[in-house]
Amino acid sequence: MALITTSDKTFTLQQDETLLEGLERTGHEVEYQCRSGYCGSCRLRLLSGQVSYPEQPLAFIAPEEILPCCCKVETDLHVVCHLRSDTPEHNPDLFENDLFPAGQN
């Protein structure tokens, strides 16, 4: 299983999970339409690592770009992708720690 590093987080891609599914699962902001490599709206900038494509996608991709919907992750990756603004990592709960612990007055 590959280690995926994004602009905000590192996670392990699960077996049989597409990169797009892994990014969604971990709270990343990724645009997509087709999930098949036709539209190209999910394209991300690849900083390091290797992917392959079981079938050549119809969408144009530059040499430093990948389509997370249909690529096969071959090595650990580093991509430019950010967490959604509504994820807990981006908006920590200000009241996560009890402000008034029991026994203290």
PDB file of N, CA and C in Angstrom:
ATOM      1  N   MET A   1       0.837  -1.184   0.000  1.00  0.00           N
ATOM      2  CA  MET A   1       0.000   0.000   0.000  1.00  0.00           C
ATOM      3  C   MET A   1       0.882   1.247   0.000  1.00  0.00           C
ATOM      4  N   ALA A   2       0.532   2.166  -0.830  1.00  0.00           N
ATOM      5  CA  ALA A   2       1.347   3.362  -1.030  1.00  0.00           C
ATOM      6  C   ALA A   2       1.051   4.430   0.020  1.00  0.00           C
ATOM      7  N   LEU A   3       2.075   5.169   0.340  1.00  0.00           N
ATOM      8  CA  LEU A   3       1.964   6.310   1.237  1.00  0.00           C
ATOM      9  C   LEU A   3       1.733   7.542   0.376  1.00  0.00           C
ATOM     10  N   ILE A   4       0.663   8.266   0.660  1.00  0.00           N
ATOM     11  CA  ILE A   4       0.290   9.445  -0.116  1.00  0.00           C
ATOM     12  C   ILE A   4       0.520  10.684   0.753  1.00  0.00           C
ATOM     13  N   THR A   5       1.323  11.607   0.247  1.00  0.00           N
ATOM     14  CA  THR A   5       1.566  12.864   0.948  1.00  0.00           C
ATOM     15  C   THR A   5       0.944  13.979   0.121  1.00  0.00           C
ATOM     16  N   THR A   6       0.101  14.772   0.775  1.00  0.00           N
ATOM     17  CA  THR A   6      -0.534  15.908   0.116  1.00  0.00           C
ATOM     18  C   THR A   6       0.014  17.191   0.737  1.00  0.00           C
ATOM     19  N   SER A   7      -0.548  18.291   0.377  1.00  0.00           N
ATOM     20  CA  SER A   7      -0.115  19.578   0.930  1.00  0.00           C
ATOM     21  C   SER A   7      -0.362  19.675   2.429  1.00  0.00           C
ATOM     22  N   ASP A   8      -1.336  18.905   2.950  1.00  0.00           N
ATOM     23  CA  ASP A   8      -1.736  19.041   4.345  1.00  0.00           C
ATOM     24  C   ASP A   8      -1.660  17.771   5.177  1.00  0.00           C
ATOM     25  N   LYS A   9      -1.443  16.612   4.558  1.00  0.00           N
ATOM     26  CA  LYS A   9      -1.609  15.369   5.307  1.00  0.00           C
ATOM     27  C   LYS A   9      -0.869  14.234   4.612  1.00  0.00           C
ATOM     28  N   THR A  10      -0.567  13.184   5.364  1.00  0.00           N
ATOM     29  CA  THR A  10      -0.013  11.951   4.806  1.00  0.00           C
ATOM     30  C   THR A  10      -0.921  10.813   5.230  1.00  0.00           C
ATOM     31  N   PHE A  11      -1.226   9.919   4.299  1.00  0.00           N
ATOM     32  CA  PHE A  11      -2.090   8.773   4.602  1.00  0.00           C
ATOM     33  C   PHE A  11      -1.689   7.591   3.737  1.00  0.00           C
ATOM     34  N   THR A  12      -2.179   6.423   4.111  1.00  0.00           N
ATOM     35  CA  THR A  12      -1.916   5.200   3.354  1.00  0.00           C
ATOM     36  C   THR A  12      -3.114   4.889   2.479  1.00  0.00           C
ATOM     37  N   LEU A  13      -2.856   4.663   1.231  1.00  0.00           N
ATOM     38  CA  LEU A  13      -3.905   4.283   0.300  1.00  0.00           C
ATOM     39  C   LEU A  13      -4.302   2.843   0.600  1.00  0.00           C
ATOM     40  N   GLN A  14      -5.583   2.573   0.724  1.00  0.00           N
ATOM     41  CA  GLN A  14      -6.050   1.233   1.033  1.00  0.00           C
ATOM     42  C   GLN A  14      -6.051   0.362  -0.225  1.00  0.00           C
ATOM     43  N   GLN A  15      -6.000  -0.940  -0.002  1.00  0.00           N
ATOM     44  CA  GLN A  15      -5.998  -1.877  -1.118  1.00  0.00           C
ATOM     45  C   GLN A  15      -7.277  -1.708  -1.940  1.00  0.00           C
ATOM     46  N   ASP A  16      -7.153  -1.735  -3.257  1.00  0.00           N
ATOM     47  CA  ASP A  16      -8.274  -1.602  -4.199  1.00  0.00           C
ATOM     48  C   ASP A  16      -8.978  -0.249  -4.123  1.00  0.00           C
ATOM     49  N   GLU A  17      -8.336   0.756  -3.563  1.00  0.00           N
ATOM     50  CA  GLU A  17      -8.903   2.100  -3.476  1.00  0.00           C
ATOM     51  C   GLU A  17      -8.210   2.967  -4.525  1.00  0.00           C
ATOM     52  N   THR A  18      -8.996   3.733  -5.284  1.00  0.00           N
ATOM     53  CA  THR A  18      -8.372   4.663  -6.216  1.00  0.00           C
ATOM     54  C   THR A  18      -7.791   5.827  -5.425  1.00  0.00           C
ATOM     55  N   LEU A  19      -6.883   6.543  -6.038  1.00  0.00           N
ATOM     56  CA  LEU A  19      -6.324   7.719  -5.375  1.00  0.00           C
ATOM     57  C   LEU A  19      -7.424   8.724  -5.064  1.00  0.00           C
ATOM     58  N   LEU A  20      -8.357   8.906  -5.975  1.00  0.00           N
ATOM     59  CA  LEU A  20      -9.482   9.823  -5.735  1.00  0.00           C
ATOM     60  C   LEU A  20     -10.279   9.386  -4.514  1.00  0.00           C
ATOM     61  N   GLU A  21     -10.571   8.106  -4.391  1.00  0.00           N
ATOM     62  CA  GLU A  21     -11.322   7.609  -3.235  1.00  0.00           C
ATOM     63  C   GLU A  21     -10.544   7.835  -1.940  1.00  0.00           C
ATOM     64  N   GLY A  22      -9.230   7.619  -1.982  1.00  0.00           N
ATOM     65  CA  GLY A  22      -8.407   7.851  -0.794  1.00  0.00           C
ATOM     66  C   GLY A  22      -8.378   9.313  -0.390  1.00  0.00           C
ATOM     67  N   LEU A  23      -8.297  10.189  -1.377  1.00  0.00           N
ATOM     68  CA  LEU A  23      -8.322  11.623  -1.080  1.00  0.00           C
ATOM     69  C   LEU A  23      -9.665  12.029  -0.493  1.00  0.00           C
ATOM     70  N   GLU A  24     -10.743  11.507  -1.029  1.00  0.00           N
ATOM     71  CA  GLU A  24     -12.076  11.806  -0.480  1.00  0.00           C
ATOM     72  C   GLU A  24     -12.200  11.274   0.944  1.00  0.00           C
ATOM     73  N   ARG A  25     -11.745  10.042   1.157  1.00  0.00           N
ATOM     74  CA  ARG A  25     -11.844   9.404   2.476  1.00  0.00           C
ATOM     75  C   ARG A  25     -11.113  10.211   3.544  1.00  0.00           C
ATOM     76  N   THR A  26     -10.024  10.838   3.164  1.00  0.00           N
ATOM     77  CA  THR A  26      -9.207  11.569   4.136  1.00  0.00           C
ATOM     78  C   THR A  26      -9.524  13.059   4.200  1.00  0.00           C
ATOM     79  N   GLY A  27     -10.605  13.477   3.557  1.00  0.00           N
ATOM     80  CA  GLY A  27     -11.082  14.853   3.707  1.00  0.00           C
ATOM     81  C   GLY A  27     -10.450  15.870   2.792  1.00  0.00           C
ATOM     82  N   HIS A  28      -9.928  15.445   1.647  1.00  0.00           N
ATOM     83  CA  HIS A  28      -9.309  16.379   0.709  1.00  0.00           C
ATOM     84  C   HIS A  28     -10.322  16.951  -0.273  1.00  0.00           C
ATOM     85  N   GLU A  29     -10.016  18.141  -0.726  1.00  0.00           N
ATOM     86  CA  GLU A  29     -10.846  18.855  -1.699  1.00  0.00           C
ATOM     87  C   GLU A  29     -10.394  18.457  -3.095  1.00  0.00           C
ATOM     88  N   VAL A  30     -11.205  17.669  -3.790  1.00  0.00           N
ATOM     89  CA  VAL A  30     -10.869  17.244  -5.142  1.00  0.00           C
ATOM     90  C   VAL A  30     -12.111  17.394  -6.012  1.00  0.00           C
ATOM     91  N   GLU A  31     -11.980  18.156  -7.078  1.00  0.00           N
ATOM     92  CA  GLU A  31     -13.064  18.282  -8.045  1.00  0.00           C
ATOM     93  C   GLU A  31     -13.079  17.024  -8.909  1.00  0.00           C
ATOM     94  N   TYR A  32     -14.245  16.582  -9.304  1.00  0.00           N
ATOM     95  CA  TYR A  32     -14.334  15.451 -10.223  1.00  0.00           C
ATOM     96  C   TYR A  32     -15.703  15.477 -10.884  1.00  0.00           C
ATOM     97  N   GLN A  33     -15.812  14.820 -11.994  1.00  0.00           N
ATOM     98  CA  GLN A  33     -17.079  14.677 -12.699  1.00  0.00           C
ATOM     99  C   GLN A  33     -17.312  13.219 -13.074  1.00  0.00           C
ATOM    100  N   CYS A  34     -16.409  12.673 -13.874  1.00  0.00           N
ATOM    101  CA  CYS A  34     -16.692  11.382 -14.497  1.00  0.00           C
ATOM    102  C   CYS A  34     -16.144  10.172 -13.756  1.00  0.00           C
ATOM    103  N   ARG A  35     -15.060  10.311 -13.024  1.00  0.00           N
ATOM    104  CA  ARG A  35     -14.361   9.212 -12.346  1.00  0.00           C
ATOM    105  C   ARG A  35     -13.789   8.175 -13.325  1.00  0.00           C
ATOM    106  N   SER A  36     -13.636   8.556 -14.577  1.00  0.00           N
ATOM    107  CA  SER A  36     -13.174   7.607 -15.587  1.00  0.00           C
ATOM    108  C   SER A  36     -12.043   8.136 -16.457  1.00  0.00           C
ATOM    109  N   GLY A  37     -11.557   9.328 -16.222  1.00  0.00           N
ATOM    110  CA  GLY A  37     -10.477   9.875 -17.025  1.00  0.00           C
ATOM    111  C   GLY A  37     -10.917  10.568 -18.295  1.00  0.00           C
ATOM    112  N   TYR A  38     -12.224  10.819 -18.437  1.00  0.00           N
ATOM    113  CA  TYR A  38     -12.722  11.500 -19.635  1.00  0.00           C
ATOM    114  C   TYR A  38     -12.640  13.014 -19.520  1.00  0.00           C
ATOM    115  N   CYS A  39     -13.001  13.547 -18.350  1.00  0.00           N
ATOM    116  CA  CYS A  39     -13.160  15.001 -18.248  1.00  0.00           C
ATOM    117  C   CYS A  39     -11.901  15.729 -17.780  1.00  0.00           C
ATOM    118  N   GLY A  40     -11.094  15.099 -16.955  1.00  0.00           N
ATOM    119  CA  GLY A  40      -9.872  15.735 -16.470  1.00  0.00           C
ATOM    120  C   GLY A  40     -10.061  16.713 -15.333  1.00  0.00           C
ATOM    121  N   SER A  41     -11.275  16.842 -14.792  1.00  0.00           N
ATOM    122  CA  SER A  41     -11.492  17.851 -13.749  1.00  0.00           C
ATOM    123  C   SER A  41     -10.823  17.493 -12.425  1.00  0.00           C
ATOM    124  N   CYS A  42     -10.414  16.254 -12.239  1.00  0.00           N
ATOM    125  CA  CYS A  42      -9.768  15.853 -10.987  1.00  0.00           C
ATOM    126  C   CYS A  42      -8.250  15.993 -11.034  1.00  0.00           C
ATOM    127  N   ARG A  43      -7.688  16.477 -12.133  1.00  0.00           N
ATOM    128  CA  ARG A  43      -6.220  16.485 -12.296  1.00  0.00           C
ATOM    129  C   ARG A  43      -5.532  17.182 -11.136  1.00  0.00           C
ATOM    130  N   LEU A  44      -4.422  16.584 -10.719  1.00  0.00           N
ATOM    131  CA  LEU A  44      -3.589  17.119  -9.638  1.00  0.00           C
ATOM    132  C   LEU A  44      -2.156  17.223 -10.117  1.00  0.00           C
ATOM    133  N   ARG A  45      -1.417  18.087  -9.479  1.00  0.00           N
ATOM    134  CA  ARG A  45       0.012  18.220  -9.786  1.00  0.00           C
ATOM    135  C   ARG A  45       0.775  17.170  -8.987  1.00  0.00           C
ATOM    136  N   LEU A  46       1.578  16.398  -9.681  1.00  0.00           N
ATOM    137  CA  LEU A  46       2.404  15.355  -9.070  1.00  0.00           C
ATOM    138  C   LEU A  46       3.789  15.931  -8.786  1.00  0.00           C
ATOM    139  N   LEU A  47       4.179  15.926  -7.507  1.00  0.00           N
ATOM    140  CA  LEU A  47       5.496  16.436  -7.118  1.00  0.00           C
ATOM    141  C   LEU A  47       6.543  15.333  -7.140  1.00  0.00           C
ATOM    142  N   SER A  48       6.149  14.122  -6.746  1.00  0.00           N
ATOM    143  CA  SER A  48       7.063  12.988  -6.814  1.00  0.00           C
ATOM    144  C   SER A  48       6.265  11.695  -6.773  1.00  0.00           C
ATOM    145  N   GLY A  49       6.875  10.642  -7.301  1.00  0.00           N
ATOM    146  CA  GLY A  49       6.239   9.336  -7.341  1.00  0.00           C
ATOM    147  C   GLY A  49       5.851   8.963  -8.761  1.00  0.00           C
ATOM    148  N   GLN A  50       5.283   7.763  -8.890  1.00  0.00           N
ATOM    149  CA  GLN A  50       4.908   7.264 -10.206  1.00  0.00           C
ATOM    150  C   GLN A  50       3.524   6.656 -10.191  1.00  0.00           C
ATOM    151  N   VAL A  51       2.804   6.918 -11.275  1.00  0.00           N
ATOM    152  CA  VAL A  51       1.507   6.281 -11.506  1.00  0.00           C
ATOM    153  C   VAL A  51       1.517   5.714 -12.924  1.00  0.00           C
ATOM    154  N   SER A  52       0.581   4.825 -13.169  1.00  0.00           N
ATOM    155  CA  SER A  52       0.374   4.319 -14.523  1.00  0.00           C
ATOM    156  C   SER A  52      -1.121   4.377 -14.789  1.00  0.00           C
ATOM    157  N   TYR A  53      -1.491   4.105 -16.013  1.00  0.00           N
ATOM    158  CA  TYR A  53      -2.900   4.116 -16.399  1.00  0.00           C
ATOM    159  C   TYR A  53      -3.214   2.799 -17.095  1.00  0.00           C
ATOM    160  N   PRO A  54      -4.116   1.999 -16.526  1.00  0.00           N
ATOM    161  CA  PRO A  54      -4.497   0.742 -17.177  1.00  0.00           C
ATOM    162  C   PRO A  54      -4.992   0.972 -18.614  1.00  0.00           C
ATOM    163  N   GLU A  55      -5.721   2.064 -18.810  1.00  0.00           N
ATOM    164  CA  GLU A  55      -6.155   2.499 -20.137  1.00  0.00           C
ATOM    165  C   GLU A  55      -5.806   3.970 -20.270  1.00  0.00           C
ATOM    166  N   GLN A  56      -5.322   4.362 -21.427  1.00  0.00           N
ATOM    167  CA  GLN A  56      -4.944   5.759 -21.628  1.00  0.00           C
ATOM    168  C   GLN A  56      -6.167   6.663 -21.436  1.00  0.00           C
ATOM    169  N   PRO A  57      -6.098   7.639 -20.515  1.00  0.00           N
ATOM    170  CA  PRO A  57      -7.245   8.528 -20.304  1.00  0.00           C
ATOM    171  C   PRO A  57      -7.483   9.413 -21.524  1.00  0.00           C
ATOM    172  N   LEU A  58      -8.724   9.800 -21.732  1.00  0.00           N
ATOM    173  CA  LEU A  58      -9.063  10.683 -22.843  1.00  0.00           C
ATOM    174  C   LEU A  58      -8.756  12.135 -22.539  1.00  0.00           C
ATOM    175  N   ALA A  59      -8.753  12.491 -21.253  1.00  0.00           N
ATOM    176  CA  ALA A  59      -8.450  13.867 -20.864  1.00  0.00           C
ATOM    177  C   ALA A  59      -6.967  14.148 -21.057  1.00  0.00           C
ATOM    178  N   PHE A  60      -6.667  15.381 -21.450  1.00  0.00           N
ATOM    179  CA  PHE A  60      -5.271  15.801 -21.588  1.00  0.00           C
ATOM    180  C   PHE A  60      -4.658  15.952 -20.203  1.00  0.00           C
ATOM    181  N   ILE A  61      -3.462  15.414 -20.023  1.00  0.00           N
ATOM    182  CA  ILE A  61      -2.716  15.633 -18.789  1.00  0.00           C
ATOM    183  C   ILE A  61      -1.274  15.984 -19.154  1.00  0.00           C
ATOM    184  N   ALA A  62      -0.762  16.998 -18.508  1.00  0.00           N
ATOM    185  CA  ALA A  62       0.625  17.415 -18.707  1.00  0.00           C
ATOM    186  C   ALA A  62       1.551  16.427 -18.001  1.00  0.00           C
ATOM    187  N   PRO A  63       2.828  16.433 -18.315  1.00  0.00           N
ATOM    188  CA  PRO A  63       3.768  15.486 -17.708  1.00  0.00           C
ATOM    189  C   PRO A  63       3.795  15.519 -16.174  1.00  0.00           C
ATOM    190  N   GLU A  64       3.543  16.668 -15.568  1.00  0.00           N
ATOM    191  CA  GLU A  64       3.586  16.754 -14.104  1.00  0.00           C
ATOM    192  C   GLU A  64       2.196  16.623 -13.465  1.00  0.00           C
ATOM    193  N   GLU A  65       1.218  16.187 -14.228  1.00  0.00           N
ATOM    194  CA  GLU A  65      -0.150  16.037 -13.719  1.00  0.00           C
ATOM    195  C   GLU A  65      -0.573  14.569 -13.734  1.00  0.00           C
ATOM    196  N   ILE A  66      -1.534  14.253 -12.852  1.00  0.00           N
ATOM    197  CA  ILE A  66      -2.129  12.921 -12.827  1.00  0.00           C
ATOM    198  C   ILE A  66      -3.638  13.065 -12.678  1.00  0.00           C
ATOM    199  N   LEU A  67      -4.344  12.013 -13.040  1.00  0.00           N
ATOM    200  CA  LEU A  67      -5.792  11.937 -12.844  1.00  0.00           C
ATOM    201  C   LEU A  67      -6.045  10.914 -11.733  1.00  0.00           C
ATOM    202  N   PRO A  68      -6.344  11.377 -10.520  1.00  0.00           N
ATOM    203  CA  PRO A  68      -6.509  10.452  -9.397  1.00  0.00           C
ATOM    204  C   PRO A  68      -7.700   9.508  -9.535  1.00  0.00           C
ATOM    205  N   CYS A  69      -8.622   9.815 -10.441  1.00  0.00           N
ATOM    206  CA  CYS A  69      -9.789   8.955 -10.605  1.00  0.00           C
ATOM    207  C   CYS A  69      -9.449   7.629 -11.282  1.00  0.00           C
ATOM    208  N   CYS A  70      -8.425   7.633 -12.146  1.00  0.00           N
ATOM    209  CA  CYS A  70      -8.182   6.431 -12.944  1.00  0.00           C
ATOM    210  C   CYS A  70      -6.728   5.978 -12.976  1.00  0.00           C
ATOM    211  N   CYS A  71      -5.845   6.672 -12.287  1.00  0.00           N
ATOM    212  CA  CYS A  71      -4.447   6.240 -12.301  1.00  0.00           C
ATOM    213  C   CYS A  71      -4.252   5.077 -11.332  1.00  0.00           C
ATOM    214  N   LYS A  72      -3.238   4.309 -11.589  1.00  0.00           N
ATOM    215  CA  LYS A  72      -2.829   3.233 -10.687  1.00  0.00           C
ATOM    216  C   LYS A  72      -1.562   3.719  -9.995  1.00  0.00           C
ATOM    217  N   VAL A  73      -1.593   3.793  -8.686  1.00  0.00           N
ATOM    218  CA  VAL A  73      -0.458   4.283  -7.916  1.00  0.00           C
ATOM    219  C   VAL A  73       0.615   3.194  -7.888  1.00  0.00           C
ATOM    220  N   GLU A  74       1.811   3.525  -8.368  1.00  0.00           N
ATOM    221  CA  GLU A  74       2.900   2.550  -8.453  1.00  0.00           C
ATOM    222  C   GLU A  74       3.903   2.694  -7.311  1.00  0.00           C
ATOM    223  N   THR A  75       4.067   3.915  -6.781  1.00  0.00           N
ATOM    224  CA  THR A  75       5.015   4.181  -5.698  1.00  0.00           C
ATOM    225  C   THR A  75       4.372   5.159  -4.726  1.00  0.00           C
ATOM    226  N   ASP A  76       5.061   5.437  -3.649  1.00  0.00           N
ATOM    227  CA  ASP A  76       4.607   6.510  -2.761  1.00  0.00           C
ATOM    228  C   ASP A  76       4.525   7.788  -3.584  1.00  0.00           C
ATOM    229  N   LEU A  77       3.530   8.631  -3.273  1.00  0.00           N
ATOM    230  CA  LEU A  77       3.295   9.848  -4.050  1.00  0.00           C
ATOM    231  C   LEU A  77       3.327  11.086  -3.172  1.00  0.00           C
ATOM    232  N   HIS A  78       3.683  12.195  -3.784  1.00  0.00           N
ATOM    233  CA  HIS A  78       3.527  13.515  -3.173  1.00  0.00           C
ATOM    234  C   HIS A  78       2.785  14.358  -4.200  1.00  0.00           C
ATOM    235  N   VAL A  79       1.578  14.811  -3.840  1.00  0.00           N
ATOM    236  CA  VAL A  79       0.736  15.573  -4.761  1.00  0.00           C
ATOM    237  C   VAL A  79       0.298  16.881  -4.123  1.00  0.00           C
ATOM    238  N   VAL A  80      -0.051  17.831  -4.962  1.00  0.00           N
ATOM    239  CA  VAL A  80      -0.588  19.106  -4.486  1.00  0.00           C
ATOM    240  C   VAL A  80      -2.098  18.944  -4.378  1.00  0.00           C
ATOM    241  N   CYS A  81      -2.568  18.886  -3.155  1.00  0.00           N
ATOM    242  CA  CYS A  81      -4.006  18.744  -2.867  1.00  0.00           C
ATOM    243  C   CYS A  81      -4.202  19.166  -1.418  1.00  0.00           C
ATOM    244  N   HIS A  82      -5.261  19.907  -1.162  1.00  0.00           N
ATOM    245  CA  HIS A  82      -5.501  20.433   0.178  1.00  0.00           C
ATOM    246  C   HIS A  82      -6.732  19.805   0.809  1.00  0.00           C
ATOM    247  N   LEU A  83      -6.753  19.817   2.129  1.00  0.00           N
ATOM    248  CA  LEU A  83      -7.922  19.355   2.859  1.00  0.00           C
ATOM    249  C   LEU A  83      -9.092  20.300   2.615  1.00  0.00           C
ATOM    250  N   ARG A  84     -10.301  19.740   2.662  1.00  0.00           N
ATOM    251  CA  ARG A  84     -11.490  20.591   2.594  1.00  0.00           C
ATOM    252  C   ARG A  84     -11.474  21.516   3.812  1.00  0.00           C
ATOM    253  N   SER A  85     -12.053  22.661   3.668  1.00  0.00           N
ATOM    254  CA  SER A  85     -12.057  23.621   4.777  1.00  0.00           C
ATOM    255  C   SER A  85     -12.927  23.160   5.939  1.00  0.00           C
ATOM    256  N   ASP A  86     -13.790  22.177   5.733  1.00  0.00           N
ATOM    257  CA  ASP A  86     -14.662  21.709   6.811  1.00  0.00           C
ATOM    258  C   ASP A  86     -14.122  20.472   7.520  1.00  0.00           C
ATOM    259  N   THR A  87     -12.882  20.058   7.261  1.00  0.00           N
ATOM    260  CA  THR A  87     -12.329  18.892   7.931  1.00  0.00           C
ATOM    261  C   THR A  87     -11.817  19.270   9.315  1.00  0.00           C
ATOM    262  N   PRO A  88     -11.871  18.344  10.274  1.00  0.00           N
ATOM    263  CA  PRO A  88     -11.405  18.649  11.627  1.00  0.00           C
ATOM    264  C   PRO A  88      -9.959  19.125  11.686  1.00  0.00           C
ATOM    265  N   GLU A  89      -9.087  18.609  10.800  1.00  0.00           N
ATOM    266  CA  GLU A  89      -7.693  19.029  10.811  1.00  0.00           C
ATOM    267  C   GLU A  89      -7.560  20.509  10.470  1.00  0.00           C
ATOM    268  N   HIS A  90      -8.454  21.012   9.645  1.00  0.00           N
ATOM    269  CA  HIS A  90      -8.418  22.414   9.258  1.00  0.00           C
ATOM    270  C   HIS A  90      -9.117  23.300  10.274  1.00  0.00           C
ATOM    271  N   ASN A  91     -10.098  22.769  10.945  1.00  0.00           N
ATOM    272  CA  ASN A  91     -10.876  23.521  11.924  1.00  0.00           C
ATOM    273  C   ASN A  91     -10.929  22.752  13.235  1.00  0.00           C
ATOM    274  N   PRO A  92      -9.867  22.794  14.010  1.00  0.00           N
ATOM    275  CA  PRO A  92      -9.862  22.048  15.268  1.00  0.00           C
ATOM    276  C   PRO A  92     -10.984  22.518  16.181  1.00  0.00           C
ATOM    277  N   ASP A  93     -11.534  21.580  16.920  1.00  0.00           N
ATOM    278  CA  ASP A  93     -12.607  21.881  17.858  1.00  0.00           C
ATOM    279  C   ASP A  93     -12.026  22.681  19.019  1.00  0.00           C
ATOM    280  N   LEU A  94     -12.465  23.922  19.144  1.00  0.00           N
ATOM    281  CA  LEU A  94     -11.947  24.778  20.207  1.00  0.00           C
ATOM    282  C   LEU A  94     -12.309  24.258  21.588  1.00  0.00           C
ATOM    283  N   PHE A  95     -13.334  23.424  21.661  1.00  0.00           N
ATOM    284  CA  PHE A  95     -13.784  22.912  22.943  1.00  0.00           C
ATOM    285  C   PHE A  95     -13.463  21.438  23.098  1.00  0.00           C
ATOM    286  N   GLU A  96     -12.464  20.973  22.346  1.00  0.00           N
ATOM    287  CA  GLU A  96     -12.061  19.581  22.435  1.00  0.00           C
ATOM    288  C   GLU A  96     -11.582  19.256  23.846  1.00  0.00           C
ATOM    289  N   ASN A  97     -10.795  20.144  24.419  1.00  0.00           N
ATOM    290  CA  ASN A  97     -10.331  19.954  25.792  1.00  0.00           C
ATOM    291  C   ASN A  97     -11.308  20.672  26.720  1.00  0.00           C
ATOM    292  N   ASP A  98     -11.650  20.019  27.779  1.00  0.00           N
ATOM    293  CA  ASP A  98     -12.587  20.593  28.738  1.00  0.00           C
ATOM    294  C   ASP A  98     -11.966  21.842  29.360  1.00  0.00           C
ATOM    295  N   LEU A  99     -12.660  22.957  29.227  1.00  0.00           N
ATOM    296  CA  LEU A  99     -12.153  24.210  29.784  1.00  0.00           C
ATOM    297  C   LEU A  99     -12.219  24.230  31.299  1.00  0.00           C
ATOM    298  N   PHE A 100     -13.138  23.457  31.865  1.00  0.00           N
ATOM    299  CA  PHE A 100     -13.335  23.422  33.309  1.00  0.00           C
ATOM    300  C   PHE A 100     -13.318  21.968  33.768  1.00  0.00           C
ATOM    301  N   PRO A 101     -12.112  21.374  33.884  1.00  0.00           N
ATOM    302  CA  PRO A 101     -12.028  19.979  34.299  1.00  0.00           C
ATOM    303  C   PRO A 101     -12.656  19.770  35.669  1.00  0.00           C
ATOM    304  N   ALA A 102     -13.215  18.589  35.865  1.00  0.00           N
ATOM    305  CA  ALA A 102     -13.853  18.246  37.132  1.00  0.00           C
ATOM    306  C   ALA A 102     -12.849  18.387  38.287  1.00  0.00           C
ATOM    307  N   GLY A 103     -13.281  18.966  39.384  1.00  0.00           N
ATOM    308  CA  GLY A 103     -12.432  19.106  40.562  1.00  0.00           C
ATOM    309  C   GLY A 103     -11.683  20.420  40.619  1.00  0.00           C
ATOM    310  N   GLN A 104     -11.727  21.230  39.540  1.00  0.00           N
ATOM    311  CA  GLN A 104     -11.045  22.529  39.574  1.00  0.00           C
ATOM    312  C   GLN A 104     -12.094  23.635  39.552  1.00  0.00           C
ATOM    313  N   ASN A 105     -11.983  24.571  40.457  1.00  0.00           N
ATOM    314  CA  ASN A 105     -12.919  25.697  40.503  1.00  0.00           C
ATOM    315  C   ASN A 105     -12.170  26.990  40.421  1.00  0.00           C
TER     316      ASN A 105
END
